[in-house]
C-alpha atoms as a PDB file:
ATOM      1  CA  MET A   1     234.057 105.127  72.813  1.00  0.00           C
ATOM      2  CA  GLN A   2     233.419 104.706  69.079  1.00  0.00           C
ATOM      3  CA  PRO A   3     230.074 103.850  67.510  1.00  0.00           C
ATOM      4  CA  SER A   4     229.346 100.416  66.237  1.00  0.00           C
ATOM      5  CA  VAL A   5     228.936  99.940  62.509  1.00  0.00           C
ATOM      6  CA  THR A   6     225.363 100.908  61.622  1.00  0.00           C
ATOM      7  CA  SER A   7     223.118 100.624  58.617  1.00  0.00           C
ATOM      8  CA  LEU A   8     221.229 103.553  57.148  1.00  0.00           C
ATOM      9  CA  GLY A   9     218.715 101.141  55.623  1.00  0.00           C
ATOM     10  CA  SER A  10     216.633 101.326  58.782  1.00  0.00           C
ATOM     11  CA  HIS A  11     212.883 100.855  58.831  1.00  0.00           C
ATOM     12  CA  MET A  12     212.579 102.643  62.161  1.00  0.00           C
ATOM     13  CA  ARG A  13     210.616 105.865  62.571  1.00  0.00           C
ATOM     14  CA  MET A  14     210.255 107.926  65.691  1.00  0.00           C
ATOM     15  CA  PRO A  15     206.706 109.303  65.607  1.00  0.00           C
ATOM     16  CA  ALA A  16     206.075 112.953  66.347  1.00  0.00           C
ATOM     17  CA  GLU A  17     204.897 113.612  69.874  1.00  0.00           C
ATOM     18  CA  TRP A  18     201.455 114.677  68.642  1.00  0.00           C
ATOM     19  CA  GLU A  19     200.790 111.248  67.108  1.00  0.00           C
ATOM     20  CA  LEU A  20     198.561 108.828  69.038  1.00  0.00           C
ATOM     21  CA  HIS A  21     199.947 107.520  72.337  1.00  0.00           C
ATOM     22  CA  GLU A  22     199.416 104.170  73.989  1.00  0.00           C
ATOM     23  CA  ARG A  23     200.423 105.653  77.339  1.00  0.00           C
ATOM     24  CA  THR A  24     202.810 107.951  79.193  1.00  0.00           C
ATOM     25  CA  TRP A  25     205.666 106.699  81.372  1.00  0.00           C
ATOM     26  CA  MET A  26     206.990 108.642  84.369  1.00  0.00           C
ATOM     27  CA  ALA A  27     209.322 108.037  87.333  1.00  0.00           C
ATOM     28  CA  TRP A  28     208.609 109.041  90.926  1.00  0.00           C
ATOM     29  CA  PRO A  29     211.242 111.167  92.763  1.00  0.00           C
ATOM     30  CA  PRO A  30     213.048 108.780  95.120  1.00  0.00           C
ATOM     31  CA  VAL A  31     213.701 109.937  98.668  1.00  0.00           C
ATOM     32  CA  GLY A  32     216.991 111.825  98.826  1.00  0.00           C
ATOM     33  CA  TYR A  33     217.212 112.491  95.085  1.00  0.00           C
ATOM     34  CA  LEU A  34     219.651 115.288  94.196  1.00  0.00           C
ATOM     35  CA  THR A  35     220.095 116.507  97.765  1.00  0.00           C
ATOM     36  CA  GLU A  36     217.534 115.593 100.383  1.00  0.00           C
ATOM     37  CA  ASP A  37     214.798 117.695  98.865  1.00  0.00           C
ATOM     38  CA  ALA A  38     212.379 115.102  97.491  1.00  0.00           C
ATOM     39  CA  THR A  39     209.831 116.794  99.720  1.00  0.00           C
ATOM     40  CA  ASP A  40     206.128 117.431  99.483  1.00  0.00           C
ATOM     41  CA  ALA A  41     206.787 120.216  96.968  1.00  0.00           C
ATOM     42  CA  ALA A  42     208.424 117.778  94.546  1.00  0.00           C
ATOM     43  CA  TYR A  43     205.844 115.065  95.188  1.00  0.00           C
ATOM     44  CA  ARG A  44     203.046 117.539  94.525  1.00  0.00           C
ATOM     45  CA  SER A  45     204.583 118.662  91.229  1.00  0.00           C
ATOM     46  CA  TRP A  46     205.193 115.162  89.841  1.00  0.00           C
ATOM     47  CA  ALA A  47     201.740 114.075  90.974  1.00  0.00           C
ATOM     48  CA  GLU A  48     200.018 117.101  89.424  1.00  0.00           C
ATOM     49  CA  VAL A  49     201.587 116.271  86.070  1.00  0.00           C
ATOM     50  CA  ALA A  50     200.650 112.588  86.250  1.00  0.00           C
ATOM     51  CA  ASN A  51     197.140 113.318  87.494  1.00  0.00           C
ATOM     52  CA  ALA A  52     196.599 115.834  84.675  1.00  0.00           C
ATOM     53  CA  ILE A  53     197.797 113.421  81.988  1.00  0.00           C
ATOM     54  CA  VAL A  54     195.755 110.450  83.200  1.00  0.00           C
ATOM     55  CA  GLU A  55     192.557 112.352  82.445  1.00  0.00           C
ATOM     56  CA  PHE A  56     193.475 111.957  78.768  1.00  0.00           C
ATOM     57  CA  GLU A  57     195.609 108.825  78.435  1.00  0.00           C
ATOM     58  CA  PRO A  58     196.978 106.001  80.609  1.00  0.00           C
ATOM     59  CA  VAL A  59     199.961 106.781  82.844  1.00  0.00           C
ATOM     60  CA  THR A  60     202.436 104.315  84.320  1.00  0.00           C
ATOM     61  CA  MET A  61     204.621 105.594  87.143  1.00  0.00           C
ATOM     62  CA  VAL A  62     207.828 103.698  87.900  1.00  0.00           C
ATOM     63  CA  VAL A  63     208.465 103.951  91.639  1.00  0.00           C
ATOM     64  CA  ASP A  64     211.433 102.849  93.717  1.00  0.00           C
ATOM     65  CA  PRO A  65     210.299  99.956  95.966  1.00  0.00           C
ATOM     66  CA  THR A  66     210.927 102.017  99.122  1.00  0.00           C
ATOM     67  CA  ASP A  67     208.618 104.813  97.908  1.00  0.00           C
ATOM     68  CA  ILE A  68     205.490 102.911  96.865  1.00  0.00           C
ATOM     69  CA  GLY A  69     203.507 104.036  99.896  1.00  0.00           C
ATOM     70  CA  ILE A  70     204.452 107.690  99.376  1.00  0.00           C
ATOM     71  CA  ALA A  71     203.529 107.642  95.692  1.00  0.00           C
ATOM     72  CA  LYS A  72     200.118 106.096  96.352  1.00  0.00           C
ATOM     73  CA  LYS A  73     199.245 108.956  98.708  1.00  0.00           C
ATOM     74  CA  TRP A  74     199.756 111.533  95.956  1.00  0.00           C
ATOM     75  CA  LEU A  75     198.702 109.817  92.746  1.00  0.00           C
ATOM     76  CA  ASN A  76     195.268 109.425  91.214  1.00  0.00           C
ATOM     77  CA  ASP A  77     194.071 105.818  91.515  1.00  0.00           C
ATOM     78  CA  GLN A  78     193.973 105.666  87.711  1.00  0.00           C
ATOM     79  CA  VAL A  79     197.780 105.941  87.562  1.00  0.00           C
ATOM     80  CA  THR A  80     199.412 102.513  87.272  1.00  0.00           C
ATOM     81  CA  ILE A  81     202.361 102.001  89.627  1.00  0.00           C
ATOM     82  CA  MET A  82     205.256  99.697  88.774  1.00  0.00           C
ATOM     83  CA  SER A  83     208.203  99.048  91.048  1.00  0.00           C
ATOM     84  CA  ALA A  84     211.863  99.304  90.018  1.00  0.00           C
ATOM     85  CA  PRO A  85     214.993 100.775  91.675  1.00  0.00           C
ATOM     86  CA  LEU A  86     215.634 104.409  90.680  1.00  0.00           C
ATOM     87  CA  ASP A  87     218.424 106.937  91.017  1.00  0.00           C
ATOM     88  CA  ASP A  88     216.327 109.912  89.882  1.00  0.00           C
ATOM     89  CA  ALA A  89     213.005 110.902  88.310  1.00  0.00           C
ATOM     90  CA  TRP A  90     213.688 112.088  84.734  1.00  0.00           C
ATOM     91  CA  MET A  91     211.937 109.444  82.648  1.00  0.00           C
ATOM     92  CA  ARG A  92     212.478 111.349  79.390  1.00  0.00           C
ATOM     93  CA  ASP A  93     216.208 110.766  79.818  1.00  0.00           C
ATOM     94  CA  VAL A  94     216.541 107.396  81.529  1.00  0.00           C
ATOM     95  CA  GLY A  95     213.655 105.663  79.793  1.00  0.00           C
ATOM     96  CA  PRO A  96     213.557 104.324  76.239  1.00  0.00           C
ATOM     97  CA  THR A  97     212.845 106.407  73.161  1.00  0.00           C
ATOM     98  CA  PHE A  98     210.022 104.543  71.446  1.00  0.00           C
ATOM     99  CA  VAL A  99     209.967 104.105  67.675  1.00  0.00           C
ATOM    100  CA  HIS A 100     207.776 102.405  65.092  1.00  0.00           C
ATOM    101  CA  ALA A 101     209.349  99.415  63.399  1.00  0.00           C
ATOM    102  CA  GLY A 102     208.595  98.657  59.768  1.00  0.00           C
ATOM    103  CA  ASN A 103     205.905  96.108  60.643  1.00  0.00           C
ATOM    104  CA  GLY A 104     203.994  98.600  62.799  1.00  0.00           C
ATOM    105  CA  SER A 105     205.287  97.233  66.097  1.00  0.00           C
ATOM    106  CA  ILE A 106     206.905  99.363  68.784  1.00  0.00           C
ATOM    107  CA  MET A 107     210.566  99.175  69.767  1.00  0.00           C
ATOM    108  CA  GLY A 108     212.362 101.076  72.497  1.00  0.00           C
ATOM    109  CA  VAL A 109     215.768 102.621  71.814  1.00  0.00           C
ATOM    110  CA  ASP A 110     218.011 102.033  74.820  1.00  0.00           C
ATOM    111  CA  TRP A 111     220.645 104.770  74.691  1.00  0.00           C
ATOM    112  CA  VAL A 112     223.716 104.666  76.894  1.00  0.00           C
ATOM    113  CA  PHE A 113     222.810 106.761  79.932  1.00  0.00           C
ATOM    114  CA  ASN A 114     225.698 108.091  82.036  1.00  0.00           C
ATOM    115  CA  GLY A 115     224.231 110.870  84.148  1.00  0.00           C
ATOM    116  CA  TRP A 116     224.158 113.651  81.527  1.00  0.00           C
ATOM    117  CA  GLY A 117     227.813 113.304  80.645  1.00  0.00           C
ATOM    118  CA  ALA A 118     229.148 111.604  83.794  1.00  0.00           C
ATOM    119  CA  GLN A 119     228.651 114.654  85.978  1.00  0.00           C
ATOM    120  CA  GLU A 120     230.117 114.445  89.473  1.00  0.00           C
ATOM    121  CA  TRP A 121     226.799 114.708  91.336  1.00  0.00           C
ATOM    122  CA  THR A 122     225.050 111.973  89.380  1.00  0.00           C
ATOM    123  CA  SER A 123     224.620 108.260  89.904  1.00  0.00           C
ATOM    124  CA  TRP A 124     223.140 105.996  87.248  1.00  0.00           C
ATOM    125  CA  GLU A 125     223.690 102.366  88.227  1.00  0.00           C
ATOM    126  CA  LYS A 126     219.927 101.903  88.643  1.00  0.00           C
ATOM    127  CA  ASP A 127     218.797 104.318  85.954  1.00  0.00           C
ATOM    128  CA  GLN A 128     220.805 102.649  83.190  1.00  0.00           C
ATOM    129  CA  LYS A 129     218.499  99.638  83.580  1.00  0.00           C
ATOM    130  CA  ILE A 130     215.215 101.543  83.371  1.00  0.00           C
ATOM    131  CA  ALA A 131     214.938 101.652  79.580  1.00  0.00           C
ATOM    132  CA  SER A 132     215.076  97.866  79.335  1.00  0.00           C
ATOM    133  CA  PHE A 133     212.655  97.543  82.264  1.00  0.00           C
ATOM    134  CA  VAL A 134     210.126  99.858  80.624  1.00  0.00           C
ATOM    135  CA  CYS A 135     210.421  98.041  77.303  1.00  0.00           C
ATOM    136  CA  ASP A 136     209.825  94.726  79.040  1.00  0.00           C
ATOM    137  CA  GLN A 137     206.742  96.062  80.827  1.00  0.00           C
ATOM    138  CA  ALA A 138     205.485  97.622  77.578  1.00  0.00           C
ATOM    139  CA  GLY A 139     205.987  94.371  75.685  1.00  0.00           C
ATOM    140  CA  SER A 140     208.316  95.990  73.180  1.00  0.00           C
ATOM    141  CA  GLU A 141     211.651  94.843  71.809  1.00  0.00           C
ATOM    142  CA  VAL A 142     214.791  96.749  72.744  1.00  0.00           C
ATOM    143  CA  LEU A 143     216.899  98.472  70.110  1.00  0.00           C
ATOM    144  CA  ARG A 144     220.278  99.020  71.750  1.00  0.00           C
ATOM    145  CA  SER A 145     222.501 101.937  70.857  1.00  0.00           C
ATOM    146  CA  SER A 146     226.154 102.538  71.672  1.00  0.00           C
ATOM    147  CA  MET A 147     225.576 106.306  71.696  1.00  0.00           C
ATOM    148  CA  ILE A 148     225.330 108.320  74.916  1.00  0.00           C
ATOM    149  CA  ASN A 149     222.084 110.220  74.585  1.00  0.00           C
ATOM    150  CA  GLU A 150     218.924 111.251  76.433  1.00  0.00           C
ATOM    151  CA  GLY A 151     215.368 111.710  75.257  1.00  0.00           C
ATOM    152  CA  GLY A 152     215.421 115.359  76.307  1.00  0.00           C
ATOM    153  CA  GLY A 153     218.262 115.961  73.875  1.00  0.00           C
ATOM    154  CA  ILE A 154     216.170 115.307  70.748  1.00  0.00           C
ATOM    155  CA  HIS A 155     212.929 116.424  69.115  1.00  0.00           C
ATOM    156  CA  VAL A 156     211.531 115.015  65.850  1.00  0.00           C
ATOM    157  CA  ASN A 157     208.730 115.961  63.466  1.00  0.00           C
ATOM    158  CA  GLY A 158     207.922 112.350  62.543  1.00  0.00           C
ATOM    159  CA  SER A 159     208.879 113.002  58.929  1.00  0.00           C
ATOM    160  CA  GLY A 160     212.651 112.717  59.052  1.00  0.00           C
ATOM    161  CA  ALA A 161     213.799 115.930  60.786  1.00  0.00           C
ATOM    162  CA  ILE A 162     215.454 116.104  64.199  1.00  0.00           C
ATOM    163  CA  LEU A 163     216.600 118.922  66.491  1.00  0.00           C
ATOM    164  CA  LEU A 164     219.932 118.545  68.363  1.00  0.00           C
ATOM    165  CA  THR A 165     222.538 120.566  70.231  1.00  0.00           C
ATOM    166  CA  LYS A 166     226.260 120.130  69.704  1.00  0.00           C
ATOM    167  CA  THR A 167     227.026 120.355  73.424  1.00  0.00           C
ATOM    168  CA  VAL A 168     224.883 117.272  74.047  1.00  0.00           C
ATOM    169  CA  GLN A 169     225.377 114.615  71.375  1.00  0.00           C
ATOM    170  CA  LEU A 170     228.946 115.770  70.629  1.00  0.00           C
ATOM    171  CA  GLY A 171     229.755 117.130  74.072  1.00  0.00           C
ATOM    172  CA  VAL A 172     232.372 116.304  76.683  1.00  0.00           C
ATOM    173  CA  GLY A 173     231.381 113.270  78.742  1.00  0.00           C
ATOM    174  CA  ARG A 174     229.113 111.948  76.037  1.00  0.00           C
ATOM    175  CA  ASN A 175     230.271 111.328  72.465  1.00  0.00           C
ATOM    176  CA  SER A 176     233.169 113.751  72.090  1.00  0.00           C
ATOM    177  CA  SER A 177     235.233 111.113  70.278  1.00  0.00           C
ATOM    178  CA  TRP A 178     232.536 110.698  67.599  1.00  0.00           C
ATOM    179  CA  THR A 179     232.263 112.747  64.446  1.00  0.00           C
ATOM    180  CA  GLN A 180     229.050 114.551  63.573  1.00  0.00           C
ATOM    181  CA  ASP A 181     228.586 112.107  60.691  1.00  0.00           C
ATOM    182  CA  GLN A 182     228.797 109.164  63.097  1.00  0.00           C
ATOM    183  CA  VAL A 183     226.181 110.676  65.395  1.00  0.00           C
ATOM    184  CA  GLU A 184     223.885 111.328  62.442  1.00  0.00           C
ATOM    185  CA  ALA A 185     224.343 107.789  61.144  1.00  0.00           C
ATOM    186  CA  GLU A 186     223.371 106.316  64.513  1.00  0.00           C
ATOM    187  CA  LEU A 187     220.306 108.560  64.769  1.00  0.00           C
ATOM    188  CA  ALA A 188     219.329 107.569  61.235  1.00  0.00           C
ATOM    189  CA  ARG A 189     219.638 103.892  62.172  1.00  0.00           C
ATOM    190  CA  THR A 190     217.665 104.139  65.405  1.00  0.00           C
ATOM    191  CA  LEU A 191     215.120 106.884  64.699  1.00  0.00           C
ATOM    192  CA  GLY A 192     214.819 106.887  60.916  1.00  0.00           C
ATOM    193  CA  VAL A 193     215.768 110.559  60.579  1.00  0.00           C
ATOM    194  CA  ASP A 194     217.654 112.137  57.681  1.00  0.00           C
ATOM    195  CA  GLN A 195     217.500 115.901  58.271  1.00  0.00           C
ATOM    196  CA  PHE A 196     219.601 117.191  61.162  1.00  0.00           C
ATOM    197  CA  ILE A 197     219.164 120.665  62.636  1.00  0.00           C
ATOM    198  CA  TRP A 198     222.106 121.317  64.940  1.00  0.00           C
ATOM    199  CA  PHE A 199     222.028 124.174  67.435  1.00  0.00           C
ATOM    200  CA  ASP A 200     225.379 125.258  68.837  1.00  0.00           C
ATOM    201  CA  ARG A 201     224.169 125.544  72.440  1.00  0.00           C
ATOM    202  CA  GLY A 202     221.185 125.406  74.757  1.00  0.00           C
ATOM    203  CA  LEU A 203     219.914 127.814  77.410  1.00  0.00           C
ATOM    204  CA  THR A 204     222.459 129.381  79.751  1.00  0.00           C
ATOM    205  CA  ARG A 205     221.215 127.974  83.070  1.00  0.00           C
ATOM    206  CA  ASP A 206     221.374 124.469  81.625  1.00  0.00           C
ATOM    207  CA  TYR A 207     225.181 124.637  81.831  1.00  0.00           C
ATOM    208  CA  ASP A 208     225.165 125.129  85.605  1.00  0.00           C
ATOM    209  CA  ILE A 209     226.106 122.294  87.935  1.00  0.00           C
ATOM    210  CA  TYR A 210     222.756 120.492  87.765  1.00  0.00           C
ATOM    211  CA  GLY A 211     222.092 121.167  84.089  1.00  0.00           C
ATOM    212  CA  THR A 212     222.035 118.809  81.136  1.00  0.00           C
ATOM    213  CA  ARG A 213     224.545 120.884  79.121  1.00  0.00           C
ATOM    214  CA  GLY A 214     222.112 121.889  76.433  1.00  0.00           C
ATOM    215  CA  HIS A 215     218.985 119.748  76.109  1.00  0.00           C
ATOM    216  CA  VAL A 216     216.925 120.879  73.155  1.00  0.00           C
ATOM    217  CA  ASP A 217     213.552 120.298  74.836  1.00  0.00           C
ATOM    218  CA  ILE A 218     213.730 123.663  76.603  1.00  0.00           C
ATOM    219  CA  VAL A 219     215.065 125.374  73.466  1.00  0.00           C
ATOM    220  CA  ALA A 220     212.891 124.432  70.493  1.00  0.00           C
ATOM    221  CA  THR A 221     210.283 121.903  69.389  1.00  0.00           C
ATOM    222  CA  PHE A 222     208.249 121.007  66.339  1.00  0.00           C
ATOM    223  CA  ILE A 223     204.546 121.865  66.389  1.00  0.00           C
ATOM    224  CA  ASP A 224     203.969 120.396  62.939  1.00  0.00           C
ATOM    225  CA  GLU A 225     206.118 118.964  60.166  1.00  0.00           C
ATOM    226  CA  SER A 226     207.332 122.349  58.933  1.00  0.00           C
ATOM    227  CA  THR A 227     207.070 124.665  61.972  1.00  0.00           C
ATOM    228  CA  ILE A 228     209.422 124.960  64.931  1.00  0.00           C
ATOM    229  CA  LEU A 229     208.462 126.749  68.128  1.00  0.00           C
ATOM    230  CA  PHE A 230     211.464 128.343  69.836  1.00  0.00           C
ATOM    231  CA  HIS A 231     212.218 129.872  73.230  1.00  0.00           C
ATOM    232  CA  ASP A 232     212.156 133.623  72.672  1.00  0.00           C
ATOM    233  CA  GLN A 233     213.950 135.493  75.440  1.00  0.00           C
ATOM    234  CA  GLN A 234     213.024 139.098  74.683  1.00  0.00           C
ATOM    235  CA  ASP A 235     214.873 140.819  77.528  1.00  0.00           C
ATOM    236  CA  PRO A 236     218.428 141.809  76.517  1.00  0.00           C
ATOM    237  CA  ARG A 237     219.516 141.652  80.176  1.00  0.00           C
ATOM    238  CA  HIS A 238     219.242 137.859  80.063  1.00  0.00           C
ATOM    239  CA  PRO A 239     222.076 135.953  78.331  1.00  0.00           C
ATOM    240  CA  ASP A 240     219.512 133.812  76.504  1.00  0.00           C
ATOM    241  CA  PHE A 241     218.543 136.908  74.514  1.00  0.00           C
ATOM    242  CA  GLU A 242     221.470 136.126  72.218  1.00  0.00           C
ATOM    243  CA  VAL A 243     220.832 132.384  72.337  1.00  0.00           C
ATOM    244  CA  SER A 244     217.261 132.943  71.142  1.00  0.00           C
ATOM    245  CA  LYS A 245     218.434 134.982  68.175  1.00  0.00           C
ATOM    246  CA  GLU A 246     220.902 132.252  67.205  1.00  0.00           C
ATOM    247  CA  ILE A 247     218.195 129.590  67.472  1.00  0.00           C
ATOM    248  CA  GLN A 248     215.773 131.535  65.295  1.00  0.00           C
ATOM    249  CA  GLN A 249     218.434 132.133  62.647  1.00  0.00           C
ATOM    250  CA  LYS A 250     219.357 128.445  62.573  1.00  0.00           C
ATOM    251  CA  ILE A 251     215.711 127.388  62.205  1.00  0.00           C
ATOM    252  CA  GLU A 252     215.088 129.786  59.334  1.00  0.00           C
ATOM    253  CA  ALA A 253     218.349 128.832  57.618  1.00  0.00           C
ATOM    254  CA  SER A 254     217.210 125.202  57.767  1.00  0.00           C
ATOM    255  CA  GLY A 255     214.075 125.999  55.790  1.00  0.00           C
ATOM    256  CA  PHE A 256     211.562 125.694  58.615  1.00  0.00           C
ATOM    257  CA  HIS A 257     209.054 128.281  59.784  1.00  0.00           C
ATOM    258  CA  ALA A 258     210.114 129.721  63.172  1.00  0.00           C
ATOM    259  CA  VAL A 259     207.528 130.790  65.749  1.00  0.00           C
ATOM    260  CA  GLY A 260     208.724 132.381  68.978  1.00  0.00           C
ATOM    261  CA  ILE A 261     207.058 131.805  72.324  1.00  0.00           C
ATOM    262  CA  PRO A 262     208.089 134.572  74.739  1.00  0.00           C
ATOM    263  CA  ALA A 263     210.052 133.436  77.778  1.00  0.00           C
ATOM    264  CA  PRO A 264     208.583 134.103  81.214  1.00  0.00           C
ATOM    265  CA  THR A 265     209.281 137.636  82.399  1.00  0.00           C
ATOM    266  CA  VAL A 266     211.168 136.487  85.508  1.00  0.00           C
ATOM    267  CA  LEU A 267     214.912 136.595  84.820  1.00  0.00           C
ATOM    268  CA  THR A 268     216.614 135.251  87.961  1.00  0.00           C
ATOM    269  CA  ASP A 269     216.155 133.182  91.074  1.00  0.00           C
ATOM    270  CA  GLU A 270     218.403 132.607  94.073  1.00  0.00           C
ATOM    271  CA  ASN A 271     220.821 130.617  91.881  1.00  0.00           C
ATOM    272  CA  GLY A 272     221.171 133.072  89.005  1.00  0.00           C
ATOM    273  CA  VAL A 273     219.516 133.428  85.596  1.00  0.00           C
ATOM    274  CA  VAL A 274     216.593 131.053  85.071  1.00  0.00           C
ATOM    275  CA  ASP A 275     215.868 128.744  82.157  1.00  0.00           C
ATOM    276  CA  PHE A 276     212.089 128.719  82.662  1.00  0.00           C
ATOM    277  CA  SER A 277     210.685 127.680  79.295  1.00  0.00           C
ATOM    278  CA  TYR A 278     207.241 127.139  77.806  1.00  0.00           C
ATOM    279  CA  ILE A 279     208.914 124.988  75.153  1.00  0.00           C
ATOM    280  CA  ASN A 280     209.043 122.193  77.733  1.00  0.00           C
ATOM    281  CA  HIS A 281     205.368 121.284  77.278  1.00  0.00           C
ATOM    282  CA  TYR A 282     204.145 117.746  76.620  1.00  0.00           C
ATOM    283  CA  VAL A 283     201.702 116.861  73.843  1.00  0.00           C
ATOM    284  CA  ILE A 284     199.330 113.991  74.669  1.00  0.00           C
ATOM    285  CA  ASN A 285     196.094 112.528  73.341  1.00  0.00           C
ATOM    286  CA  GLY A 286     193.620 115.383  73.319  1.00  0.00           C
ATOM    287  CA  ALA A 287     195.692 117.815  75.388  1.00  0.00           C
ATOM    288  CA  VAL A 288     198.914 119.733  75.893  1.00  0.00           C
ATOM    289  CA  ILE A 289     200.337 119.778  79.422  1.00  0.00           C
ATOM    290  CA  MET A 290     201.987 123.184  79.695  1.00  0.00           C
ATOM    291  CA  CYS A 291     204.537 124.551  82.158  1.00  0.00           C
ATOM    292  CA  SER A 292     203.277 127.601  84.046  1.00  0.00           C
ATOM    293  CA  PHE A 293     205.317 129.843  86.332  1.00  0.00           C
ATOM    294  CA  ASP A 294     202.785 132.231  87.917  1.00  0.00           C
ATOM    295  CA  ASP A 295     204.130 134.682  85.369  1.00  0.00           C
ATOM    296  CA  HIS A 296     202.589 137.450  83.283  1.00  0.00           C
ATOM    297  CA  ASN A 297     203.467 135.535  80.098  1.00  0.00           C
ATOM    298  CA  ASP A 298     201.685 132.324  81.126  1.00  0.00           C
ATOM    299  CA  ALA A 299     198.461 133.450  79.459  1.00  0.00           C
ATOM    300  CA  LEU A 300     200.277 134.518  76.291  1.00  0.00           C
ATOM    301  CA  ALA A 301     202.079 131.188  76.067  1.00  0.00           C
ATOM    302  CA  LYS A 302     198.814 129.322  76.602  1.00  0.00           C
ATOM    303  CA  ALA A 303     197.210 131.246  73.738  1.00  0.00           C
ATOM    304  CA  ILE A 304     200.136 130.406  71.420  1.00  0.00           C
ATOM    305  CA  LEU A 305     199.882 126.706  72.270  1.00  0.00           C
ATOM    306  CA  GLU A 306     196.100 126.762  71.810  1.00  0.00           C
ATOM    307  CA  ASP A 307     196.666 128.208  68.348  1.00  0.00           C
ATOM    308  CA  ALA A 308     199.304 125.573  67.602  1.00  0.00           C
ATOM    309  CA  TYR A 309     197.082 122.721  68.805  1.00  0.00           C
ATOM    310  CA  PRO A 310     193.490 123.862  68.141  1.00  0.00           C
ATOM    311  CA  GLU A 311     191.988 120.410  68.691  1.00  0.00           C
ATOM    312  CA  ARG A 312     193.686 119.887  72.050  1.00  0.00           C
ATOM    313  CA  GLN A 313     192.969 121.264  75.495  1.00  0.00           C
ATOM    314  CA  VAL A 314     195.905 123.200  76.966  1.00  0.00           C
ATOM    315  CA  VAL A 315     196.293 122.367  80.665  1.00  0.00           C
ATOM    316  CA  MET A 316     198.627 124.513  82.783  1.00  0.00           C
ATOM    317  CA  VAL A 317     200.623 122.921  85.613  1.00  0.00           C
ATOM    318  CA  ASP A 318     202.961 124.949  87.823  1.00  0.00           C
ATOM    319  CA  ALA A 319     206.449 123.742  86.890  1.00  0.00           C
ATOM    320  CA  ARG A 320     208.600 125.891  89.160  1.00  0.00           C
ATOM    321  CA  GLU A 321     209.414 123.078  91.594  1.00  0.00           C
ATOM    322  CA  ILE A 322     210.347 120.801  88.695  1.00  0.00           C
ATOM    323  CA  PHE A 323     212.628 123.432  87.145  1.00  0.00           C
ATOM    324  CA  ALA A 324     214.186 123.996  90.573  1.00  0.00           C
ATOM    325  CA  ARG A 325     215.390 120.398  90.332  1.00  0.00           C
ATOM    326  CA  GLY A 326     216.784 120.699  86.815  1.00  0.00           C
ATOM    327  CA  GLY A 327     214.004 120.207  84.272  1.00  0.00           C
ATOM    328  CA  GLY A 328     210.352 120.584  83.362  1.00  0.00           C
ATOM    329  CA  ILE A 329     207.185 118.719  82.423  1.00  0.00           C
ATOM    330  CA  HIS A 330     208.589 117.304  79.184  1.00  0.00           C
ATOM    331  CA  CYS A 331     211.655 116.074  81.068  1.00  0.00           C
ATOM    332  CA  ILE A 332     209.669 113.906  83.489  1.00  0.00           C
ATOM    333  CA  THR A 333     207.443 112.248  80.875  1.00  0.00           C
ATOM    334  CA  GLN A 334     207.997 109.817  78.008  1.00  0.00           C
ATOM    335  CA  GLN A 335     205.414 108.812  75.426  1.00  0.00           C
ATOM    336  CA  GLN A 336     204.790 105.270  74.259  1.00  0.00           C
ATOM    337  CA  PRO A 337     203.232 105.642  70.812  1.00  0.00           C
ATOM    338  CA  ALA A 338     200.357 103.481  69.723  1.00  0.00           C
ATOM    339  CA  LYS A 339     201.123 100.576  67.443  1.00  0.00           C
ATOM    340  CA  GLY A 340     200.329 101.063  63.818  1.00  0.00           C
ATOM    341  CA  ASN A 341     201.669 101.301  60.312  1.00  0.00           C
ATOM    342  CA  GLN A 342     204.317 103.855  59.547  1.00  0.00           C
END
């Protein structure tokens, strides 16, 4: 698939995550998702994230029609429930990426979603309709893209810079027939970015069967316009020790200030090396919802995030059950920015 002809004269701008939100969108784990393990452990984890966020900003949870009753049992009454058919529960990836249009309105970029590169275990017939559904419910126009992409595969600073990984936007099953220039042109058109920081790869575990093949939102993120927080695996026994060094070098070579956040001390689980990451936090109005892992480094990571966001409360939520299913807190949330001038 080749990209459509695009214009770089775009008036779109994807706001940084720390800018004011209208609300957060999430998706409830449908019964039978992945295997048949959408159990109480998964319900509890998704609900704890939603219930933490709704103390600070509105939350809308998209729920498969067959699961409405289950979701209501777990969710705070303040969480708005909307019904739509779902294949899975990763709203960051299946939902729209919201941007500011030139007139201050909000538009939702509807990427092509194909199950993280058409992986054998995925289905996406329902999920490929969720971005348009969310835009309709949010009252925003849809900006359609011909590029295969997911929200977890990008991070922006709101001032023109974007973080990417080559194994995602240019990877097999996604846009391998595109050139890097074509990908950058489409991101410029849809997100208003003009500075591209490409990492060669993501974290090791993310290339296992249920991984995304390199999403950047467990690798690195902006904490302000000029500073990038990166996953710092400090144990040389873990293969991400080398990945972390590569990431730091790339950040510094790009002219940004690099700040490491030590990885959790746990190295493996029953499926091999872990990709537990404090990078996968979610910045909301007045707070940061942080992944915790009942790990010695949880407190250290919390202190680093408190320093990065001194005017926000850092709230820890145990993310181990979410990571066991292939992602983290950032992966299951999607911000809808407030309307306003660029």
